[in-house]
Amino acid sequence: GRGREALYWFMQMCMAGLKPNLITCTAILTACSYTGLAD
């Protein structure tokens, strides 16, 4: 339920030049869902 931290590390991953895959996107969307980060 730590959606903000999940978003932070997602952005860090993208900044490191790594492209998220489908499973990564499931993980970050789940993070947003569990913490009410609709936008």
Full PDB file with SEQRES, HELIX, SHEET, SSBOND, CRYST1, ORIGX, SCALE, CONECT and MASTER records, all heavy atoms in Angstrom:
SEQRES   1 A   39  GLY ARG GLY ARG GLU ALA LEU TYR TRP PHE MET GLN MET          
SEQRES   2 A   39  CYS MET ALA GLY LEU LYS PRO ASN LEU ILE THR CYS THR          
SEQRES   3 A   39  ALA ILE LEU THR ALA CYS SER TYR THR GLY LEU ALA ASP          
HELIX    1 AA1 GLY A    3  MET A   15  1                                  13    
HELIX    2 AA2 LEU A   22  TYR A   34  1                                  13    
CRYST1    1.000    1.000    1.000  90.00  90.00  90.00 P 1           1          
ORIGX1      1.000000  0.000000  0.000000        0.00000                         
ORIGX2      0.000000  1.000000  0.000000        0.00000                         
ORIGX3      0.000000  0.000000  1.000000        0.00000                         
SCALE1      1.000000  0.000000  0.000000        0.00000                         
SCALE2      0.000000  1.000000  0.000000        0.00000                         
SCALE3      0.000000  0.000000  1.000000        0.00000                         
ATOM      1  N   GLY A   1       0.804  -1.220   0.000  1.00  0.00           N  
ATOM      2  CA  GLY A   1       0.000   0.000   0.000  1.00  0.00           C  
ATOM      3  C   GLY A   1       0.835   1.267   0.000  1.00  0.00           C  
ATOM      4  O   GLY A   1       0.354   2.334   0.401  1.00  0.00           O  
ATOM      5  N   ARG A   2       2.075   1.168  -0.473  1.00  0.00           N  
ATOM      6  CA  ARG A   2       2.968   2.327  -0.497  1.00  0.00           C  
ATOM      7  C   ARG A   2       3.118   2.808  -1.942  1.00  0.00           C  
ATOM      8  O   ARG A   2       4.161   2.684  -2.585  1.00  0.00           O  
ATOM      9  CB  ARG A   2       4.310   1.971   0.144  1.00  0.00           C  
ATOM     10  CG  ARG A   2       4.145   1.643   1.631  1.00  0.00           C  
ATOM     11  CD  ARG A   2       5.290   0.858   2.224  1.00  0.00           C  
ATOM     12  NE  ARG A   2       6.534   1.593   2.270  1.00  0.00           N  
ATOM     13  CZ  ARG A   2       7.635   1.142   2.890  1.00  0.00           C  
ATOM     14  NH1 ARG A   2       7.594  -0.024   3.541  1.00  0.00           N  
ATOM     15  NH2 ARG A   2       8.737   1.855   2.876  1.00  0.00           N  
ATOM     16  N   GLY A   3       2.004   3.337  -2.453  1.00  0.00           N  
ATOM     17  CA  GLY A   3       1.921   3.701  -3.862  1.00  0.00           C  
ATOM     18  C   GLY A   3       2.887   4.779  -4.289  1.00  0.00           C  
ATOM     19  O   GLY A   3       3.446   4.724  -5.388  1.00  0.00           O  
ATOM     20  N   ARG A   4       3.089   5.787  -3.442  1.00  0.00           N  
ATOM     21  CA  ARG A   4       4.005   6.877  -3.803  1.00  0.00           C  
ATOM     22  C   ARG A   4       5.428   6.365  -3.986  1.00  0.00           C  
ATOM     23  O   ARG A   4       6.142   6.784  -4.900  1.00  0.00           O  
ATOM     24  CB  ARG A   4       3.969   7.961  -2.724  1.00  0.00           C  
ATOM     25  CG  ARG A   4       2.673   8.745  -2.657  1.00  0.00           C  
ATOM     26  CD  ARG A   4       2.489   9.611  -3.882  1.00  0.00           C  
ATOM     27  NE  ARG A   4       1.211  10.323  -3.865  1.00  0.00           N  
ATOM     28  CZ  ARG A   4       0.728  10.986  -4.894  1.00  0.00           C  
ATOM     29  NH1 ARG A   4       1.423  11.030  -6.020  1.00  0.00           N  
ATOM     30  NH2 ARG A   4      -0.443  11.596  -4.818  1.00  0.00           N  
ATOM     31  N   GLU A   5       5.836   5.459  -3.105  1.00  0.00           N  
ATOM     32  CA  GLU A   5       7.188   4.890  -3.219  1.00  0.00           C  
ATOM     33  C   GLU A   5       7.305   3.999  -4.455  1.00  0.00           C  
ATOM     34  O   GLU A   5       8.345   3.977  -5.124  1.00  0.00           O  
ATOM     35  CB  GLU A   5       7.522   4.098  -1.957  1.00  0.00           C  
ATOM     36  CG  GLU A   5       7.789   4.999  -0.758  1.00  0.00           C  
ATOM     37  CD  GLU A   5       7.762   4.245   0.554  1.00  0.00           C  
ATOM     38  OE1 GLU A   5       6.644   4.013   1.073  1.00  0.00           O  
ATOM     39  OE2 GLU A   5       8.837   3.891   1.054  1.00  0.00           O  
ATOM     40  N   ALA A   6       6.219   3.268  -4.763  1.00  0.00           N  
ATOM     41  CA  ALA A   6       6.212   2.452  -5.981  1.00  0.00           C  
ATOM     42  C   ALA A   6       6.377   3.335  -7.210  1.00  0.00           C  
ATOM     43  O   ALA A   6       7.148   3.018  -8.127  1.00  0.00           O  
ATOM     44  CB  ALA A   6       4.911   1.650  -6.065  1.00  0.00           C  
ATOM     45  N   LEU A   7       5.686   4.473  -7.226  1.00  0.00           N  
ATOM     46  CA  LEU A   7       5.813   5.417  -8.338  1.00  0.00           C  
ATOM     47  C   LEU A   7       7.224   5.987  -8.436  1.00  0.00           C  
ATOM     48  O   LEU A   7       7.776   6.149  -9.531  1.00  0.00           O  
ATOM     49  CB  LEU A   7       4.813   6.563  -8.167  1.00  0.00           C  
ATOM     50  CG  LEU A   7       3.365   6.280  -8.572  1.00  0.00           C  
ATOM     51  CD1 LEU A   7       2.457   7.415  -8.119  1.00  0.00           C  
ATOM     52  CD2 LEU A   7       3.258   6.072 -10.077  1.00  0.00           C  
ATOM     53  N   TYR A   8       7.818   6.278  -7.286  1.00  0.00           N  
ATOM     54  CA  TYR A   8       9.177   6.820  -7.271  1.00  0.00           C  
ATOM     55  C   TYR A   8      10.152   5.844  -7.923  1.00  0.00           C  
ATOM     56  O   TYR A   8      10.951   6.239  -8.792  1.00  0.00           O  
ATOM     57  CB  TYR A   8       9.615   7.103  -5.838  1.00  0.00           C  
ATOM     58  CG  TYR A   8      11.100   7.399  -5.702  1.00  0.00           C  
ATOM     59  CD1 TYR A   8      11.615   8.657  -6.024  1.00  0.00           C  
ATOM     60  CD2 TYR A   8      11.994   6.406  -5.278  1.00  0.00           C  
ATOM     61  CE1 TYR A   8      12.968   8.935  -5.914  1.00  0.00           C  
ATOM     62  CE2 TYR A   8      13.351   6.667  -5.174  1.00  0.00           C  
ATOM     63  CZ  TYR A   8      13.837   7.922  -5.489  1.00  0.00           C  
ATOM     64  OH  TYR A   8      15.181   8.178  -5.392  1.00  0.00           O  
ATOM     65  N   TRP A   9      10.071   4.570  -7.533  1.00  0.00           N  
ATOM     66  CA  TRP A   9      11.002   3.573  -8.080  1.00  0.00           C  
ATOM     67  C   TRP A   9      10.683   3.249  -9.534  1.00  0.00           C  
ATOM     68  O   TRP A   9      11.590   2.913 -10.312  1.00  0.00           O  
ATOM     69  CB  TRP A   9      11.017   2.323  -7.211  1.00  0.00           C  
ATOM     70  CG  TRP A   9      11.691   2.574  -5.893  1.00  0.00           C  
ATOM     71  CD1 TRP A   9      11.119   2.705  -4.672  1.00  0.00           C  
ATOM     72  CD2 TRP A   9      13.101   2.764  -5.691  1.00  0.00           C  
ATOM     73  NE1 TRP A   9      12.067   2.966  -3.713  1.00  0.00           N  
ATOM     74  CE2 TRP A   9      13.294   3.006  -4.304  1.00  0.00           C  
ATOM     75  CE3 TRP A   9      14.211   2.761  -6.527  1.00  0.00           C  
ATOM     76  CZ2 TRP A   9      14.555   3.233  -3.763  1.00  0.00           C  
ATOM     77  CZ3 TRP A   9      15.472   2.986  -5.983  1.00  0.00           C  
ATOM     78  CH2 TRP A   9      15.631   3.219  -4.620  1.00  0.00           C  
ATOM     79  N   PHE A  10       9.429   3.371  -9.908  1.00  0.00           N  
ATOM     80  CA  PHE A  10       9.066   3.192 -11.320  1.00  0.00           C  
ATOM     81  C   PHE A  10       9.735   4.262 -12.168  1.00  0.00           C  
ATOM     82  O   PHE A  10      10.296   3.975 -13.241  1.00  0.00           O  
ATOM     83  CB  PHE A  10       7.540   3.257 -11.472  1.00  0.00           C  
ATOM     84  CG  PHE A  10       7.065   3.117 -12.897  1.00  0.00           C  
ATOM     85  CD1 PHE A  10       7.032   1.879 -13.521  1.00  0.00           C  
ATOM     86  CD2 PHE A  10       6.643   4.238 -13.617  1.00  0.00           C  
ATOM     87  CE1 PHE A  10       6.586   1.753 -14.830  1.00  0.00           C  
ATOM     88  CE2 PHE A  10       6.200   4.121 -14.927  1.00  0.00           C  
ATOM     89  CZ  PHE A  10       6.173   2.870 -15.529  1.00  0.00           C  
ATOM     90  N   MET A  11       9.714   5.502 -11.702  1.00  0.00           N  
ATOM     91  CA  MET A  11      10.354   6.587 -12.430  1.00  0.00           C  
ATOM     92  C   MET A  11      11.869   6.429 -12.445  1.00  0.00           C  
ATOM     93  O   MET A  11      12.526   6.724 -13.450  1.00  0.00           O  
ATOM     94  CB  MET A  11       9.968   7.938 -11.804  1.00  0.00           C  
ATOM     95  CG  MET A  11       8.483   8.275 -11.900  1.00  0.00           C  
ATOM     96  SD  MET A  11       7.831   8.148 -13.586  1.00  0.00           S  
ATOM     97  CE  MET A  11       8.823   9.389 -14.430  1.00  0.00           C  
ATOM     98  N   GLN A  12      12.433   5.964 -11.316  1.00  0.00           N  
ATOM     99  CA  GLN A  12      13.874   5.716 -11.256  1.00  0.00           C  
ATOM    100  C   GLN A  12      14.290   4.663 -12.283  1.00  0.00           C  
ATOM    101  O   GLN A  12      15.334   4.773 -12.919  1.00  0.00           O  
ATOM    102  CB  GLN A  12      14.276   5.259  -9.855  1.00  0.00           C  
ATOM    103  CG  GLN A  12      14.196   6.342  -8.789  1.00  0.00           C  
ATOM    104  CD  GLN A  12      15.168   7.480  -9.042  1.00  0.00           C  
ATOM    105  OE1 GLN A  12      16.355   7.270  -9.267  1.00  0.00           O  
ATOM    106  NE2 GLN A  12      14.642   8.700  -9.028  1.00  0.00           N  
ATOM    107  N   MET A  13      13.471   3.661 -12.431  1.00  0.00           N  
ATOM    108  CA  MET A  13      13.739   2.598 -13.401  1.00  0.00           C  
ATOM    109  C   MET A  13      13.755   3.171 -14.829  1.00  0.00           C  
ATOM    110  O   MET A  13      14.663   2.874 -15.623  1.00  0.00           O  
ATOM    111  CB  MET A  13      12.670   1.512 -13.284  1.00  0.00           C  
ATOM    112  CG  MET A  13      12.723   0.445 -14.363  1.00  0.00           C  
ATOM    113  SD  MET A  13      11.334  -0.691 -14.220  1.00  0.00           S  
ATOM    114  CE  MET A  13      11.470  -1.545 -15.787  1.00  0.00           C  
ATOM    115  N   CYS A  14      12.756   3.994 -15.137  1.00  0.00           N  
ATOM    116  CA  CYS A  14      12.688   4.597 -16.472  1.00  0.00           C  
ATOM    117  C   CYS A  14      13.873   5.531 -16.713  1.00  0.00           C  
ATOM    118  O   CYS A  14      14.446   5.569 -17.815  1.00  0.00           O  
ATOM    119  CB  CYS A  14      11.370   5.347 -16.636  1.00  0.00           C  
ATOM    120  SG  CYS A  14       9.907   4.273 -16.568  1.00  0.00           S  
ATOM    121  N   MET A  15      14.268   6.272 -15.675  1.00  0.00           N  
ATOM    122  CA  MET A  15      15.408   7.184 -15.796  1.00  0.00           C  
ATOM    123  C   MET A  15      16.718   6.427 -15.969  1.00  0.00           C  
ATOM    124  O   MET A  15      17.682   6.946 -16.536  1.00  0.00           O  
ATOM    125  CB  MET A  15      15.484   8.084 -14.561  1.00  0.00           C  
ATOM    126  CG  MET A  15      14.366   9.128 -14.505  1.00  0.00           C  
ATOM    127  SD  MET A  15      14.271  10.001 -12.909  1.00  0.00           S  
ATOM    128  CE  MET A  15      15.882  10.801 -12.874  1.00  0.00           C  
ATOM    129  N   ALA A  16      16.754   5.174 -15.483  1.00  0.00           N  
ATOM    130  CA  ALA A  16      17.958   4.348 -15.642  1.00  0.00           C  
ATOM    131  C   ALA A  16      18.058   3.759 -17.047  1.00  0.00           C  
ATOM    132  O   ALA A  16      19.016   3.049 -17.356  1.00  0.00           O  
ATOM    133  CB  ALA A  16      17.948   3.226 -14.604  1.00  0.00           C  
ATOM    134  N   GLY A  17      17.063   4.076 -17.879  1.00  0.00           N  
ATOM    135  CA  GLY A  17      17.106   3.621 -19.267  1.00  0.00           C  
ATOM    136  C   GLY A  17      16.486   2.261 -19.500  1.00  0.00           C  
ATOM    137  O   GLY A  17      16.641   1.686 -20.586  1.00  0.00           O  
ATOM    138  N   LEU A  18      15.777   1.734 -18.500  1.00  0.00           N  
ATOM    139  CA  LEU A  18      15.140   0.428 -18.641  1.00  0.00           C  
ATOM    140  C   LEU A  18      13.672   0.602 -18.995  1.00  0.00           C  
ATOM    141  O   LEU A  18      12.969   1.418 -18.394  1.00  0.00           O  
ATOM    142  CB  LEU A  18      15.266  -0.386 -17.356  1.00  0.00           C  
ATOM    143  CG  LEU A  18      16.675  -0.901 -17.031  1.00  0.00           C  
ATOM    144  CD1 LEU A  18      16.699  -1.525 -15.653  1.00  0.00           C  
ATOM    145  CD2 LEU A  18      17.128  -1.906 -18.063  1.00  0.00           C  
ATOM    146  N   LYS A  19      13.220  -0.172 -19.948  1.00  0.00           N  
ATOM    147  CA  LYS A  19      11.835  -0.092 -20.388  1.00  0.00           C  
ATOM    148  C   LYS A  19      10.984  -1.072 -19.590  1.00  0.00           C  
ATOM    149  O   LYS A  19      11.323  -2.258 -19.506  1.00  0.00           O  
ATOM    150  CB  LYS A  19      11.755  -0.418 -21.886  1.00  0.00           C  
ATOM    151  CG  LYS A  19      10.345  -0.444 -22.442  1.00  0.00           C  
ATOM    152  CD  LYS A  19      10.348  -0.914 -23.887  1.00  0.00           C  
ATOM    153  CE  LYS A  19       8.926  -1.139 -24.383  1.00  0.00           C  
ATOM    154  NZ  LYS A  19       8.907  -1.671 -25.769  1.00  0.00           N  
ATOM    155  N   PRO A  20       9.886  -0.610 -18.992  1.00  0.00           N  
ATOM    156  CA  PRO A  20       9.022  -1.528 -18.244  1.00  0.00           C  
ATOM    157  C   PRO A  20       8.383  -2.549 -19.180  1.00  0.00           C  
ATOM    158  O   PRO A  20       8.141  -2.259 -20.355  1.00  0.00           O  
ATOM    159  CB  PRO A  20       7.966  -0.601 -17.625  1.00  0.00           C  
ATOM    160  CG  PRO A  20       7.948   0.601 -18.507  1.00  0.00           C  
ATOM    161  CD  PRO A  20       9.346   0.765 -18.999  1.00  0.00           C  
ATOM    162  N   ASN A  21       8.120  -3.750 -18.654  1.00  0.00           N  
ATOM    163  CA  ASN A  21       7.396  -4.747 -19.442  1.00  0.00           C  
ATOM    164  C   ASN A  21       5.945  -4.815 -18.956  1.00  0.00           C  
ATOM    165  O   ASN A  21       5.527  -4.027 -18.107  1.00  0.00           O  
ATOM    166  CB  ASN A  21       8.090  -6.112 -19.383  1.00  0.00           C  
ATOM    167  CG  ASN A  21       8.218  -6.646 -17.959  1.00  0.00           C  
ATOM    168  OD1 ASN A  21       7.431  -6.285 -17.075  1.00  0.00           O  
ATOM    169  ND2 ASN A  21       9.202  -7.503 -17.731  1.00  0.00           N  
ATOM    170  N   LEU A  22       5.188  -5.738 -19.478  1.00  0.00           N  
ATOM    171  CA  LEU A  22       3.777  -5.841 -19.126  1.00  0.00           C  
ATOM    172  C   LEU A  22       3.570  -6.130 -17.645  1.00  0.00           C  
ATOM    173  O   LEU A  22       2.634  -5.613 -17.018  1.00  0.00           O  
ATOM    174  CB  LEU A  22       3.112  -6.933 -19.976  1.00  0.00           C  
ATOM    175  CG  LEU A  22       2.974  -6.612 -21.472  1.00  0.00           C  
ATOM    176  CD1 LEU A  22       2.491  -7.850 -22.222  1.00  0.00           C  
ATOM    177  CD2 LEU A  22       2.033  -5.437 -21.711  1.00  0.00           C  
ATOM    178  N   ILE A  23       4.470  -6.947 -17.069  1.00  0.00           N  
ATOM    179  CA  ILE A  23       4.345  -7.285 -15.643  1.00  0.00           C  
ATOM    180  C   ILE A  23       4.646  -6.064 -14.780  1.00  0.00           C  
ATOM    181  O   ILE A  23       3.994  -5.837 -13.759  1.00  0.00           O  
ATOM    182  CB  ILE A  23       5.277  -8.457 -15.284  1.00  0.00           C  
ATOM    183  CG1 ILE A  23       4.949  -9.678 -16.138  1.00  0.00           C  
ATOM    184  CG2 ILE A  23       5.163  -8.814 -13.805  1.00  0.00           C  
ATOM    185  CD1 ILE A  23       5.911 -10.834 -15.977  1.00  0.00           C  
ATOM    186  N   THR A  24       5.630  -5.274 -15.196  1.00  0.00           N  
ATOM    187  CA  THR A  24       5.948  -4.037 -14.470  1.00  0.00           C  
ATOM    188  C   THR A  24       4.736  -3.113 -14.452  1.00  0.00           C  
ATOM    189  O   THR A  24       4.412  -2.507 -13.416  1.00  0.00           O  
ATOM    190  CB  THR A  24       7.132  -3.304 -15.123  1.00  0.00           C  
ATOM    191  OG1 THR A  24       8.170  -4.221 -15.427  1.00  0.00           O  
ATOM    192  CG2 THR A  24       7.668  -2.222 -14.210  1.00  0.00           C  
ATOM    193  N   CYS A  25       4.066  -2.998 -15.589  1.00  0.00           N  
ATOM    194  CA  CYS A  25       2.897  -2.117 -15.674  1.00  0.00           C  
ATOM    195  C   CYS A  25       1.762  -2.619 -14.782  1.00  0.00           C  
ATOM    196  O   CYS A  25       1.056  -1.814 -14.163  1.00  0.00           O  
ATOM    197  CB  CYS A  25       2.437  -2.009 -17.128  1.00  0.00           C  
ATOM    198  SG  CYS A  25       3.610  -1.112 -18.179  1.00  0.00           S  
ATOM    199  N   THR A  26       1.600  -3.931 -14.703  1.00  0.00           N  
ATOM    200  CA  THR A  26       0.598  -4.492 -13.793  1.00  0.00           C  
ATOM    201  C   THR A  26       0.918  -4.095 -12.358  1.00  0.00           C  
ATOM    202  O   THR A  26       0.031  -3.708 -11.586  1.00  0.00           O  
ATOM    203  CB  THR A  26       0.540  -6.023 -13.911  1.00  0.00           C  
ATOM    204  OG1 THR A  26       0.203  -6.387 -15.249  1.00  0.00           O  
ATOM    205  CG2 THR A  26      -0.494  -6.614 -12.955  1.00  0.00           C  
ATOM    206  N   ALA A  27       2.208  -4.183 -12.003  1.00  0.00           N  
ATOM    207  CA  ALA A  27       2.644  -3.858 -10.636  1.00  0.00           C  
ATOM    208  C   ALA A  27       2.376  -2.394 -10.298  1.00  0.00           C  
ATOM    209  O   ALA A  27       1.843  -2.084  -9.225  1.00  0.00           O  
ATOM    210  CB  ALA A  27       4.122  -4.186 -10.464  1.00  0.00           C  
ATOM    211  N   ILE A  28       2.724  -1.493 -11.200  1.00  0.00           N  
ATOM    212  CA  ILE A  28       2.573  -0.067 -10.879  1.00  0.00           C  
ATOM    213  C   ILE A  28       1.097   0.354 -10.908  1.00  0.00           C  
ATOM    214  O   ILE A  28       0.667   1.197 -10.112  1.00  0.00           O  
ATOM    215  CB  ILE A  28       3.428   0.818 -11.830  1.00  0.00           C  
ATOM    216  CG1 ILE A  28       3.490   2.256 -11.304  1.00  0.00           C  
ATOM    217  CG2 ILE A  28       2.932   0.764 -13.247  1.00  0.00           C  
ATOM    218  CD1 ILE A  28       4.111   2.382  -9.928  1.00  0.00           C  
ATOM    219  N   LEU A  29       0.292  -0.242 -11.772  1.00  0.00           N  
ATOM    220  CA  LEU A  29      -1.146   0.048 -11.775  1.00  0.00           C  
ATOM    221  C   LEU A  29      -1.804  -0.487 -10.503  1.00  0.00           C  
ATOM    222  O   LEU A  29      -2.716   0.143  -9.958  1.00  0.00           O  
ATOM    223  CB  LEU A  29      -1.809  -0.561 -13.012  1.00  0.00           C  
ATOM    224  CG  LEU A  29      -1.493   0.121 -14.352  1.00  0.00           C  
ATOM    225  CD1 LEU A  29      -2.102  -0.666 -15.498  1.00  0.00           C  
ATOM    226  CD2 LEU A  29      -1.977   1.565 -14.366  1.00  0.00           C  
ATOM    227  N   THR A  30      -1.332  -1.629 -10.031  1.00  0.00           N  
ATOM    228  CA  THR A  30      -1.826  -2.175  -8.761  1.00  0.00           C  
ATOM    229  C   THR A  30      -1.497  -1.229  -7.616  1.00  0.00           C  
ATOM    230  O   THR A  30      -2.323  -0.992  -6.729  1.00  0.00           O  
ATOM    231  CB  THR A  30      -1.194  -3.560  -8.496  1.00  0.00           C  
ATOM    232  OG1 THR A  30      -1.561  -4.448  -9.550  1.00  0.00           O  
ATOM    233  CG2 THR A  30      -1.674  -4.136  -7.171  1.00  0.00           C  
ATOM    234  N   ALA A  31      -0.279  -0.688  -7.635  1.00  0.00           N  
ATOM    235  CA  ALA A  31       0.130   0.264  -6.593  1.00  0.00           C  
ATOM    236  C   ALA A  31      -0.795   1.473  -6.572  1.00  0.00           C  
ATOM    237  O   ALA A  31      -1.216   1.937  -5.507  1.00  0.00           O  
ATOM    238  CB  ALA A  31       1.574   0.709  -6.834  1.00  0.00           C  
ATOM    239  N   CYS A  32      -1.121   1.973  -7.750  1.00  0.00           N  
ATOM    240  CA  CYS A  32      -2.018   3.131  -7.829  1.00  0.00           C  
ATOM    241  C   CYS A  32      -3.412   2.771  -7.334  1.00  0.00           C  
ATOM    242  O   CYS A  32      -4.069   3.564  -6.641  1.00  0.00           O  
ATOM    243  CB  CYS A  32      -2.087   3.633  -9.271  1.00  0.00           C  
ATOM    244  SG  CYS A  32      -0.537   4.323  -9.879  1.00  0.00           S  
ATOM    245  N   SER A  33      -3.857   1.578  -7.665  1.00  0.00           N  
ATOM    246  CA  SER A  33      -5.196   1.129  -7.254  1.00  0.00           C  
ATOM    247  C   SER A  33      -5.305   1.009  -5.744  1.00  0.00           C  
ATOM    248  O   SER A  33      -6.274   1.467  -5.140  1.00  0.00           O  
ATOM    249  CB  SER A  33      -5.514  -0.214  -7.910  1.00  0.00           C  
ATOM    250  OG  SER A  33      -6.746  -0.725  -7.462  1.00  0.00           O  
ATOM    251  N   TYR A  34      -4.291   0.402  -5.117  1.00  0.00           N  
ATOM    252  CA  TYR A  34      -4.342   0.139  -3.678  1.00  0.00           C  
ATOM    253  C   TYR A  34      -4.209   1.392  -2.822  1.00  0.00           C  
ATOM    254  O   TYR A  34      -4.479   1.361  -1.621  1.00  0.00           O  
ATOM    255  CB  TYR A  34      -3.248  -0.858  -3.286  1.00  0.00           C  
ATOM    256  CG  TYR A  34      -3.527  -2.275  -3.724  1.00  0.00           C  
ATOM    257  CD1 TYR A  34      -2.588  -3.274  -3.511  1.00  0.00           C  
ATOM    258  CD2 TYR A  34      -4.704  -2.635  -4.352  1.00  0.00           C  
ATOM    259  CE1 TYR A  34      -2.830  -4.585  -3.909  1.00  0.00           C  
ATOM    260  CE2 TYR A  34      -4.950  -3.925  -4.755  1.00  0.00           C  
ATOM    261  CZ  TYR A  34      -4.006  -4.902  -4.546  1.00  0.00           C  
ATOM    262  OH  TYR A  34      -4.252  -6.182  -4.946  1.00  0.00           O  
ATOM    263  N   THR A  35      -3.760   2.495  -3.434  1.00  0.00           N  
ATOM    264  CA  THR A  35      -3.578   3.722  -2.651  1.00  0.00           C  
ATOM    265  C   THR A  35      -4.409   4.888  -3.180  1.00  0.00           C  
ATOM    266  O   THR A  35      -4.199   6.033  -2.783  1.00  0.00           O  
ATOM    267  CB  THR A  35      -2.084   4.116  -2.631  1.00  0.00           C  
ATOM    268  OG1 THR A  35      -1.517   3.955  -3.937  1.00  0.00           O  
ATOM    269  CG2 THR A  35      -1.302   3.260  -1.669  1.00  0.00           C  
ATOM    270  N   GLY A  36      -5.349   4.592  -4.076  1.00  0.00           N  
ATOM    271  CA  GLY A  36      -6.264   5.622  -4.544  1.00  0.00           C  
ATOM    272  C   GLY A  36      -5.649   6.665  -5.443  1.00  0.00           C  
ATOM    273  O   GLY A  36      -6.162   7.783  -5.544  1.00  0.00           O  
ATOM    274  N   LEU A  37      -4.556   6.325  -6.122  1.00  0.00           N  
ATOM    275  CA  LEU A  37      -3.891   7.283  -7.015  1.00  0.00           C  
ATOM    276  C   LEU A  37      -4.490   7.157  -8.419  1.00  0.00           C  
ATOM    277  O   LEU A  37      -3.859   6.668  -9.355  1.00  0.00           O  
ATOM    278  CB  LEU A  37      -2.380   7.017  -7.037  1.00  0.00           C  
ATOM    279  CG  LEU A  37      -1.678   7.099  -5.681  1.00  0.00           C  
ATOM    280  CD1 LEU A  37      -0.223   6.664  -5.797  1.00  0.00           C  
ATOM    281  CD2 LEU A  37      -1.769   8.509  -5.109  1.00  0.00           C  
ATOM    282  N   ALA A  38      -5.734   7.620  -8.543  1.00  0.00           N  
ATOM    283  CA  ALA A  38      -6.473   7.423  -9.793  1.00  0.00           C  
ATOM    284  C   ALA A  38      -5.855   8.168 -10.970  1.00  0.00           C  
ATOM    285  O   ALA A  38      -5.694   7.603 -12.059  1.00  0.00           O  
ATOM    286  CB  ALA A  38      -7.925   7.849  -9.601  1.00  0.00           C  
ATOM    287  N   ASP A  39      -5.498   9.428 -10.786  1.00  0.00           N  
ATOM    288  CA  ASP A  39      -4.944  10.225 -11.884  1.00  0.00           C  
ATOM    289  C   ASP A  39      -3.613   9.648 -12.368  1.00  0.00           C  
ATOM    290  O   ASP A  39      -3.366   9.571 -13.581  1.00  0.00           O  
ATOM    291  CB  ASP A  39      -4.751  11.679 -11.449  1.00  0.00           C  
ATOM    292  CG  ASP A  39      -6.080  12.401 -11.234  1.00  0.00           C  
ATOM    293  OD1 ASP A  39      -7.095  11.932 -11.804  1.00  0.00           O  
ATOM    294  OD2 ASP A  39      -6.103  13.401 -10.495  1.00  0.00           O  
TER     295      ASP A  39                                                      
MASTER        0    0    0    2    0    0    0    6  294    1    0    3          
END                                                                             
